[in-house]
PDB file of N, CA and C in Angstrom:
ATOM      1  N   MET A   1      -2.937-129.162   9.044  1.00  0.00           N
ATOM      2  CA  MET A   1      -4.115-128.526   9.590  1.00  0.00           C
ATOM      3  C   MET A   1      -4.236-128.895  11.063  1.00  0.00           C
ATOM      4  N   PRO A   2      -4.561-127.923  11.891  1.00  0.00           N
ATOM      5  CA  PRO A   2      -4.704-128.197  13.314  1.00  0.00           C
ATOM      6  C   PRO A   2      -5.988-128.959  13.641  1.00  0.00           C
ATOM      7  N   THR A   3      -5.943-129.653  14.745  1.00  0.00           N
ATOM      8  CA  THR A   3      -7.099-130.387  15.252  1.00  0.00           C
ATOM      9  C   THR A   3      -7.703-129.600  16.406  1.00  0.00           C
ATOM     10  N   TYR A   4      -9.000-129.370  16.355  1.00  0.00           N
ATOM     11  CA  TYR A   4      -9.698-128.654  17.419  1.00  0.00           C
ATOM     12  C   TYR A   4     -10.662-129.604  18.105  1.00  0.00           C
ATOM     13  N   ALA A   5     -10.737-129.492  19.421  1.00  0.00           N
ATOM     14  CA  ALA A   5     -11.650-130.322  20.212  1.00  0.00           C
ATOM     15  C   ALA A   5     -12.867-129.488  20.592  1.00  0.00           C
ATOM     16  N   TYR A   6     -14.046-130.078  20.424  1.00  0.00           N
ATOM     17  CA  TYR A   6     -15.306-129.427  20.764  1.00  0.00           C
ATOM     18  C   TYR A   6     -16.088-130.308  21.724  1.00  0.00           C
ATOM     19  N   ALA A   7     -16.923-129.681  22.534  1.00  0.00           N
ATOM     20  CA  ALA A   7     -17.836-130.409  23.415  1.00  0.00           C
ATOM     21  C   ALA A   7     -19.174-129.685  23.417  1.00  0.00           C
ATOM     22  N   CYS A   8     -20.237-130.460  23.418  1.00  0.00           N
ATOM     23  CA  CYS A   8     -21.584-129.891  23.425  1.00  0.00           C
ATOM     24  C   CYS A   8     -21.950-129.481  24.849  1.00  0.00           C
ATOM     25  N   LYS A   9     -22.520-128.298  24.979  1.00  0.00           N
ATOM     26  CA  LYS A   9     -22.957-127.812  26.292  1.00  0.00           C
ATOM     27  C   LYS A   9     -24.228-128.516  26.743  1.00  0.00           C
ATOM     28  N   ASP A  10     -25.027-129.016  25.793  1.00  0.00           N
ATOM     29  CA  ASP A  10     -26.311-129.615  26.134  1.00  0.00           C
ATOM     30  C   ASP A  10     -26.211-131.114  26.403  1.00  0.00           C
ATOM     31  N   CYS A  11     -25.664-131.867  25.437  1.00  0.00           N
ATOM     32  CA  CYS A  11     -25.656-133.328  25.587  1.00  0.00           C
ATOM     33  C   CYS A  11     -24.305-133.888  26.029  1.00  0.00           C
ATOM     34  N   GLY A  12     -23.246-133.061  26.012  1.00  0.00           N
ATOM     35  CA  GLY A  12     -21.940-133.522  26.461  1.00  0.00           C
ATOM     36  C   GLY A  12     -21.127-134.263  25.409  1.00  0.00           C
ATOM     37  N   HIS A  13     -21.654-134.372  24.190  1.00  0.00           N
ATOM     38  CA  HIS A  13     -20.938-135.055  23.112  1.00  0.00           C
ATOM     39  C   HIS A  13     -19.626-134.324  22.833  1.00  0.00           C
ATOM     40  N   ALA A  14     -18.497-135.073  22.820  1.00  0.00           N
ATOM     41  CA  ALA A  14     -17.181-134.491  22.563  1.00  0.00           C
ATOM     42  C   ALA A  14     -16.609-135.093  21.286  1.00  0.00           C
ATOM     43  N   PHE A  15     -15.946-134.264  20.476  1.00  0.00           N
ATOM     44  CA  PHE A  15     -15.361-134.735  19.220  1.00  0.00           C
ATOM     45  C   PHE A  15     -14.241-133.792  18.796  1.00  0.00           C
ATOM     46  N   ASP A  16     -13.405-134.273  17.886  1.00  0.00           N
ATOM     47  CA  ASP A  16     -12.304-133.502  17.331  1.00  0.00           C
ATOM     48  C   ASP A  16     -12.563-133.244  15.853  1.00  0.00           C
ATOM     49  N   VAL A  17     -12.112-132.084  15.374  1.00  0.00           N
ATOM     50  CA  VAL A  17     -12.311-131.699  13.979  1.00  0.00           C
ATOM     51  C   VAL A  17     -11.005-131.115  13.441  1.00  0.00           C
ATOM     52  N   PHE A  18     -10.623-131.531  12.226  1.00  0.00           N
ATOM     53  CA  PHE A  18      -9.495-130.914  11.533  1.00  0.00           C
ATOM     54  C   PHE A  18     -10.023-129.673  10.835  1.00  0.00           C
ATOM     55  N   GLN A  19      -9.482-128.508  11.200  1.00  0.00           N
ATOM     56  CA  GLN A  19      -9.938-127.255  10.594  1.00  0.00           C
ATOM     57  C   GLN A  19      -8.744-126.384  10.252  1.00  0.00           C
ATOM     58  N   SER A  20      -8.884-125.618   9.206  1.00  0.00           N
ATOM     59  CA  SER A  20      -7.877-124.638   8.840  1.00  0.00           C
ATOM     60  C   SER A  20      -7.988-123.444   9.796  1.00  0.00           C
ATOM     61  N   PHE A  21      -6.934-122.640   9.858  1.00  0.00           N
ATOM     62  CA  PHE A  21      -6.979-121.448  10.703  1.00  0.00           C
ATOM     63  C   PHE A  21      -8.043-120.468  10.218  1.00  0.00           C
ATOM     64  N   THR A  22      -8.343-120.495   8.940  1.00  0.00           N
ATOM     65  CA  THR A  22      -9.309-119.547   8.376  1.00  0.00           C
ATOM     66  C   THR A  22     -10.752-120.029   8.483  1.00  0.00           C
ATOM     67  N   ASP A  23     -10.968-121.304   8.836  1.00  0.00           N
ATOM     68  CA  ASP A  23     -12.327-121.818   8.985  1.00  0.00           C
ATOM     69  C   ASP A  23     -12.994-121.206  10.212  1.00  0.00           C
ATOM     70  N   SER A  24     -14.297-120.994  10.128  1.00  0.00           N
ATOM     71  CA  SER A  24     -15.021-120.444  11.276  1.00  0.00           C
ATOM     72  C   SER A  24     -15.262-121.540  12.317  1.00  0.00           C
ATOM     73  N   THR A  25     -15.426-121.116  13.548  1.00  0.00           N
ATOM     74  CA  THR A  25     -15.664-122.033  14.662  1.00  0.00           C
ATOM     75  C   THR A  25     -17.021-122.699  14.521  1.00  0.00           C
ATOM     76  N   LEU A  26     -17.096-123.990  14.849  1.00  0.00           N
ATOM     77  CA  LEU A  26     -18.382-124.699  14.813  1.00  0.00           C
ATOM     78  C   LEU A  26     -19.258-124.207  15.960  1.00  0.00           C
ATOM     79  N   THR A  27     -20.563-124.147  15.717  1.00  0.00           N
ATOM     80  CA  THR A  27     -21.472-123.611  16.734  1.00  0.00           C
ATOM     81  C   THR A  27     -22.569-124.581  17.147  1.00  0.00           C
ATOM     82  N   SER A  28     -22.886-125.602  16.304  1.00  0.00           N
ATOM     83  CA  SER A  28     -23.977-126.512  16.661  1.00  0.00           C
ATOM     84  C   SER A  28     -23.479-127.959  16.699  1.00  0.00           C
ATOM     85  N   CYS A  29     -23.976-128.704  17.666  1.00  0.00           N
ATOM     86  CA  CYS A  29     -23.595-130.098  17.876  1.00  0.00           C
ATOM     87  C   CYS A  29     -24.158-130.968  16.757  1.00  0.00           C
ATOM     88  N   PRO A  30     -23.350-131.883  16.203  1.00  0.00           N
ATOM     89  CA  PRO A  30     -23.871-132.763  15.148  1.00  0.00           C
ATOM     90  C   PRO A  30     -24.856-133.811  15.689  1.00  0.00           C
ATOM     91  N   GLU A  31     -24.876-134.049  16.999  1.00  0.00           N
ATOM     92  CA  GLU A  31     -25.780-135.042  17.607  1.00  0.00           C
ATOM     93  C   GLU A  31     -27.146-134.440  17.932  1.00  0.00           C
ATOM     94  N   CYS A  32     -27.136-133.299  18.664  1.00  0.00           N
ATOM     95  CA  CYS A  32     -28.422-132.763  19.159  1.00  0.00           C
ATOM     96  C   CYS A  32     -28.694-131.331  18.700  1.00  0.00           C
ATOM     97  N   GLN A  33     -27.814-130.751  17.890  1.00  0.00           N
ATOM     98  CA  GLN A  33     -27.922-129.370  17.414  1.00  0.00           C
ATOM     99  C   GLN A  33     -27.813-128.346  18.540  1.00  0.00           C
ATOM    100  N   GLY A  34     -27.274-128.758  19.697  1.00  0.00           N
ATOM    101  CA  GLY A  34     -27.078-127.844  20.832  1.00  0.00           C
ATOM    102  C   GLY A  34     -25.846-126.967  20.624  1.00  0.00           C
ATOM    103  N   ALA A  35     -25.609-126.091  21.586  1.00  0.00           N
ATOM    104  CA  ALA A  35     -24.483-125.155  21.520  1.00  0.00           C
ATOM    105  C   ALA A  35     -23.172-125.868  21.823  1.00  0.00           C
ATOM    106  N   LEU A  36     -22.146-125.521  21.061  1.00  0.00           N
ATOM    107  CA  LEU A  36     -20.822-126.124  21.255  1.00  0.00           C
ATOM    108  C   LEU A  36     -19.891-125.153  21.958  1.00  0.00           C
ATOM    109  N   ARG A  37     -18.886-125.715  22.609  1.00  0.00           N
ATOM    110  CA  ARG A  37     -17.799-124.908  23.141  1.00  0.00           C
ATOM    111  C   ARG A  37     -16.497-125.547  22.685  1.00  0.00           C
ATOM    112  N   LYS A  38     -15.513-124.707  22.410  1.00  0.00           N
ATOM    113  CA  LYS A  38     -14.211-125.204  21.976  1.00  0.00           C
ATOM    114  C   LYS A  38     -13.393-125.528  23.224  1.00  0.00           C
ATOM    115  N   LYS A  39     -12.799-126.716  23.246  1.00  0.00           N
ATOM    116  CA  LYS A  39     -11.958-127.128  24.366  1.00  0.00           C
ATOM    117  C   LYS A  39     -10.515-126.782  24.024  1.00  0.00           C
ATOM    118  N   PHE A  40      -9.769-126.336  25.018  1.00  0.00           N
ATOM    119  CA  PHE A  40      -8.371-125.980  24.808  1.00  0.00           C
ATOM    120  C   PHE A  40      -7.490-126.958  25.565  1.00  0.00           C
ATOM    121  N   ASN A  41      -6.502-127.489  24.861  1.00  0.00           N
ATOM    122  CA  ASN A  41      -5.569-128.443  25.450  1.00  0.00           C
ATOM    123  C   ASN A  41      -4.186-127.825  25.494  1.00  0.00           C
ATOM    124  N   SER A  42      -3.295-128.469  26.223  1.00  0.00           N
ATOM    125  CA  SER A  42      -1.924-127.987  26.259  1.00  0.00           C
ATOM    126  C   SER A  42      -1.271-128.218  24.901  1.00  0.00           C
ATOM    127  N   VAL A  43      -0.356-127.365  24.565  1.00  0.00           N
ATOM    128  CA  VAL A  43       0.309-127.423  23.272  1.00  0.00           C
ATOM    129  C   VAL A  43       1.554-128.290  23.399  1.00  0.00           C
ATOM    130  N   GLY A  44       1.725-129.199  22.470  1.00  0.00           N
ATOM    131  CA  GLY A  44       2.920-130.029  22.463  1.00  0.00           C
ATOM    132  C   GLY A  44       4.059-129.288  21.786  1.00  0.00           C
ATOM    133  N   VAL A  45       5.094-128.964  22.542  1.00  0.00           N
ATOM    134  CA  VAL A  45       6.227-128.224  22.012  1.00  0.00           C
ATOM    135  C   VAL A  45       7.456-129.107  22.079  1.00  0.00           C
ATOM    136  N   VAL A  46       8.200-129.155  20.993  1.00  0.00           N
ATOM    137  CA  VAL A  46       9.441-129.930  20.946  1.00  0.00           C
ATOM    138  C   VAL A  46      10.573-128.960  20.662  1.00  0.00           C
ATOM    139  N   PHE A  47      11.540-128.889  21.593  1.00  0.00           N
ATOM    140  CA  PHE A  47      12.700-128.037  21.404  1.00  0.00           C
ATOM    141  C   PHE A  47      13.798-128.854  20.747  1.00  0.00           C
ATOM    142  N   LYS A  48      14.231-128.424  19.569  1.00  0.00           N
ATOM    143  CA  LYS A  48      15.287-129.125  18.850  1.00  0.00           C
ATOM    144  C   LYS A  48      16.486-128.200  18.720  1.00  0.00           C
ATOM    145  N   GLY A  49      17.657-128.778  18.747  1.00  0.00           N
ATOM    146  CA  GLY A  49      18.872-127.995  18.610  1.00  0.00           C
ATOM    147  C   GLY A  49      19.470-127.657  19.961  1.00  0.00           C
ATOM    148  N   SER A  50      20.520-126.880  19.943  1.00  0.00           N
ATOM    149  CA  SER A  50      21.195-126.541  21.196  1.00  0.00           C
ATOM    150  C   SER A  50      20.707-125.204  21.715  1.00  0.00           C
ATOM    151  N   GLY A  51      20.941-124.975  22.995  1.00  0.00           N
ATOM    152  CA  GLY A  51      20.595-123.702  23.603  1.00  0.00           C
ATOM    153  C   GLY A  51      19.293-123.683  24.368  1.00  0.00           C
ATOM    154  N   PHE A  52      18.546-124.785  24.391  1.00  0.00           N
ATOM    155  CA  PHE A  52      17.252-124.783  25.064  1.00  0.00           C
ATOM    156  C   PHE A  52      17.312-125.338  26.483  1.00  0.00           C
ATOM    157  N   TYR A  53      18.353-126.074  26.781  1.00  0.00           N
ATOM    158  CA  TYR A  53      18.410-126.744  28.067  1.00  0.00           C
ATOM    159  C   TYR A  53      19.486-126.141  28.946  1.00  0.00           C
ATOM    160  N   ARG A  54      19.320-126.254  30.254  1.00  0.00           N
ATOM    161  CA  ARG A  54      20.246-125.681  31.213  1.00  0.00           C
ATOM    162  C   ARG A  54      21.657-126.236  31.037  1.00  0.00           C
ATOM    163  N   THR A  55      21.772-127.473  30.624  1.00  0.00           N
ATOM    164  CA  THR A  55      23.081-128.094  30.486  1.00  0.00           C
ATOM    165  C   THR A  55      23.791-127.696  29.198  1.00  0.00           C
ATOM    166  N   ASP A  56      23.129-127.018  28.279  1.00  0.00           N
ATOM    167  CA  ASP A  56      23.763-126.643  27.015  1.00  0.00           C
ATOM    168  C   ASP A  56      24.851-125.595  27.194  1.00  0.00           C
ATOM    169  N   SER A  57      24.769-124.776  28.239  1.00  0.00           N
ATOM    170  CA  SER A  57      25.745-123.705  28.408  1.00  0.00           C
ATOM    171  C   SER A  57      26.901-124.110  29.313  1.00  0.00           C
ATOM    172  N   ARG A  58      26.942-125.336  29.740  1.00  0.00           N
ATOM    173  CA  ARG A  58      28.013-125.787  30.628  1.00  0.00           C
ATOM    174  C   ARG A  58      29.213-126.261  29.830  1.00  0.00           C
ATOM    175  N   ASP A  59      30.386-126.221  30.484  1.00  0.00           N
ATOM    176  CA  ASP A  59      31.592-126.663  29.788  1.00  0.00           C
ATOM    177  C   ASP A  59      31.640-128.189  29.728  1.00  0.00           C
ATOM    178  N   ALA A  60      32.558-128.703  28.958  1.00  0.00           N
ATOM    179  CA  ALA A  60      32.625-130.142  28.691  1.00  0.00           C
ATOM    180  C   ALA A  60      33.049-130.949  29.914  1.00  0.00           C
ATOM    181  N   LYS A  61      33.705-130.324  30.900  1.00  0.00           N
ATOM    182  CA  LYS A  61      34.175-131.047  32.082  1.00  0.00           C
ATOM    183  C   LYS A  61      33.031-131.420  33.024  1.00  0.00           C
ATOM    184  N   GLY A  62      31.906-130.834  32.849  1.00  0.00           N
ATOM    185  CA  GLY A  62      30.770-131.148  33.705  1.00  0.00           C
ATOM    186  C   GLY A  62      30.667-130.228  34.901  1.00  0.00           C
ATOM    187  N   SER A  63      31.340-129.112  34.858  1.00  0.00           N
ATOM    188  CA  SER A  63      31.284-128.153  35.955  1.00  0.00           C
ATOM    189  C   SER A  63      29.878-127.577  36.042  1.00  0.00           C
ATOM    190  N   SER A  64      29.476-127.225  37.228  1.00  0.00           N
ATOM    191  CA  SER A  64      28.129-126.699  37.399  1.00  0.00           C
ATOM    192  C   SER A  64      28.072-125.194  37.221  1.00  0.00           C
ATOM    193  N   THR A  65      29.198-124.552  36.964  1.00  0.00           N
ATOM    194  CA  THR A  65      29.185-123.116  36.765  1.00  0.00           C
ATOM    195  C   THR A  65      29.548-122.801  35.327  1.00  0.00           C
ATOM    196  N   VAL A  66      29.035-121.710  34.848  1.00  0.00           N
ATOM    197  CA  VAL A  66      29.326-121.268  33.499  1.00  0.00           C
ATOM    198  C   VAL A  66      30.548-120.373  33.569  1.00  0.00           C
ATOM    199  N   SER A  67      31.531-120.620  32.724  1.00  0.00           N
ATOM    200  CA  SER A  67      32.731-119.788  32.761  1.00  0.00           C
ATOM    201  C   SER A  67      32.397-118.398  32.237  1.00  0.00           C
ATOM    202  N   ALA A  68      32.886-117.396  32.947  1.00  0.00           N
ATOM    203  CA  ALA A  68      32.615-116.020  32.568  1.00  0.00           C
ATOM    204  C   ALA A  68      33.578-115.590  31.477  1.00  0.00           C
ATOM    205  N   ALA A  69      33.208-114.583  30.747  1.00  0.00           N
ATOM    206  CA  ALA A  69      34.082-114.039  29.723  1.00  0.00           C
ATOM    207  C   ALA A  69      35.273-113.383  30.396  1.00  0.00           C
ATOM    208  N   PRO A  70      36.441-113.375  29.760  1.00  0.00           N
ATOM    209  CA  PRO A  70      37.609-112.767  30.391  1.00  0.00           C
ATOM    210  C   PRO A  70      37.339-111.310  30.701  1.00  0.00           C
ATOM    211  N   SER A  71      37.738-110.900  31.894  1.00  0.00           N
ATOM    212  CA  SER A  71      37.485-109.525  32.302  1.00  0.00           C
ATOM    213  C   SER A  71      38.621-108.624  31.835  1.00  0.00           C
ATOM    214  N   ALA A  72      38.376-107.343  31.819  1.00  0.00           N
ATOM    215  CA  ALA A  72      39.373-106.369  31.401  1.00  0.00           C
ATOM    216  C   ALA A  72      40.474-106.314  32.456  1.00  0.00           C
ATOM    217  N   PRO A  73      41.708-105.985  32.055  1.00  0.00           N
ATOM    218  CA  PRO A  73      42.789-105.885  33.039  1.00  0.00           C
ATOM    219  C   PRO A  73      42.475-104.785  34.036  1.00  0.00           C
ATOM    220  N   PRO A  74      42.990-104.906  35.261  1.00  0.00           N
ATOM    221  CA  PRO A  74      42.693-103.885  36.276  1.00  0.00           C
ATOM    222  C   PRO A  74      43.248-102.525  35.861  1.00  0.00           C
ATOM    223  N   ALA A  75      42.566-101.478  36.256  1.00  0.00           N
ATOM    224  CA  ALA A  75      42.986-100.119  35.921  1.00  0.00           C
ATOM    225  C   ALA A  75      44.265 -99.798  36.687  1.00  0.00           C
ATOM    226  N   PRO A  76      45.179 -99.054  36.081  1.00  0.00           N
ATOM    227  CA  PRO A  76      46.418 -98.703  36.793  1.00  0.00           C
ATOM    228  C   PRO A  76      46.112 -97.777  37.956  1.00  0.00           C
ATOM    229  N   ALA A  77      46.951 -97.872  38.988  1.00  0.00           N
ATOM    230  CA  ALA A  77      46.788 -97.023  40.170  1.00  0.00           C
ATOM    231  C   ALA A  77      47.071 -95.583  39.781  1.00  0.00           C
ATOM    232  N   PRO A  78      46.410 -94.608  40.426  1.00  0.00           N
ATOM    233  CA  PRO A  78      46.680 -93.207  40.086  1.00  0.00           C
ATOM    234  C   PRO A  78      48.131 -92.859  40.419  1.00  0.00           C
ATOM    235  N   ALA A  79      48.692 -92.015  39.587  1.00  0.00           N
ATOM    236  CA  ALA A  79      50.100 -91.619  39.783  1.00  0.00           C
ATOM    237  C   ALA A  79      50.226 -90.792  41.062  1.00  0.00           C
ATOM    238  N   ALA A  80      51.339 -91.022  41.782  1.00  0.00           N
ATOM    239  CA  ALA A  80      51.583 -90.269  43.014  1.00  0.00           C
ATOM    240  C   ALA A  80      52.008 -88.848  42.675  1.00  0.00           C
ATOM    241  N   ALA A  81      51.704 -87.939  43.551  1.00  0.00           N
ATOM    242  CA  ALA A  81      52.101 -86.535  43.336  1.00  0.00           C
ATOM    243  C   ALA A  81      53.612 -86.432  43.406  1.00  0.00           C
ATOM    244  N   PRO A  82      54.217 -85.555  42.611  1.00  0.00           N
ATOM    245  CA  PRO A  82      55.672 -85.390  42.682  1.00  0.00           C
ATOM    246  C   PRO A  82      56.107 -84.993  44.085  1.00  0.00           C
ATOM    247  N   ALA A  83      57.259 -85.476  44.504  1.00  0.00           N
ATOM    248  CA  ALA A  83      57.772 -85.245  45.855  1.00  0.00           C
ATOM    249  C   ALA A  83      58.067 -83.761  46.081  1.00  0.00           C
ATOM    250  N   ALA A  84      58.480 -83.040  45.066  1.00  0.00           N
ATOM    251  CA  ALA A  84      58.814 -81.621  45.216  1.00  0.00           C
ATOM    252  C   ALA A  84      57.570 -80.796  45.521  1.00  0.00           C
ATOM    253  N   ALA A  85      56.453 -81.134  44.928  1.00  0.00           N
ATOM    254  CA  ALA A  85      55.226 -80.385  45.161  1.00  0.00           C
ATOM    255  C   ALA A  85      54.681 -80.682  46.535  1.00  0.00           C
ATOM    256  N   ALA A  86      54.931 -81.873  47.044  1.00  0.00           N
ATOM    257  CA  ALA A  86      54.413 -82.246  48.352  1.00  0.00           C
ATOM    258  C   ALA A  86      55.248 -81.615  49.460  1.00  0.00           C
ATOM    259  N   ALA A  87      56.538 -81.292  49.222  1.00  0.00           N
ATOM    260  CA  ALA A  87      57.405 -80.745  50.237  1.00  0.00           C
ATOM    261  C   ALA A  87      57.114 -79.266  50.475  1.00  0.00           C
ATOM    262  N   SER A  88      56.556 -78.524  49.561  1.00  0.00           N
ATOM    263  CA  SER A  88      56.362 -77.104  49.769  1.00  0.00           C
ATOM    264  C   SER A  88      55.162 -76.733  50.517  1.00  0.00           C
TER     265      SER A  88
END
């Protein structure tokens, strides 16, 4: 269950509450019965596994560039016109 932080607009009392996603938001302060506001904090995110960091795509030698996929062979040069057709 997530933890939500609340603060009273009237008396300044701050507290945390464990609530389900389906529970309704609290509206009255338990200290003075004043209006509450929900405080928002940064979310703690943990990236696990490979592919999340810049160094994950580098080769084992420690090069700073990512090796590109092999490119297609160069296209053949256009065939020259026959010499007999060019002489006329």
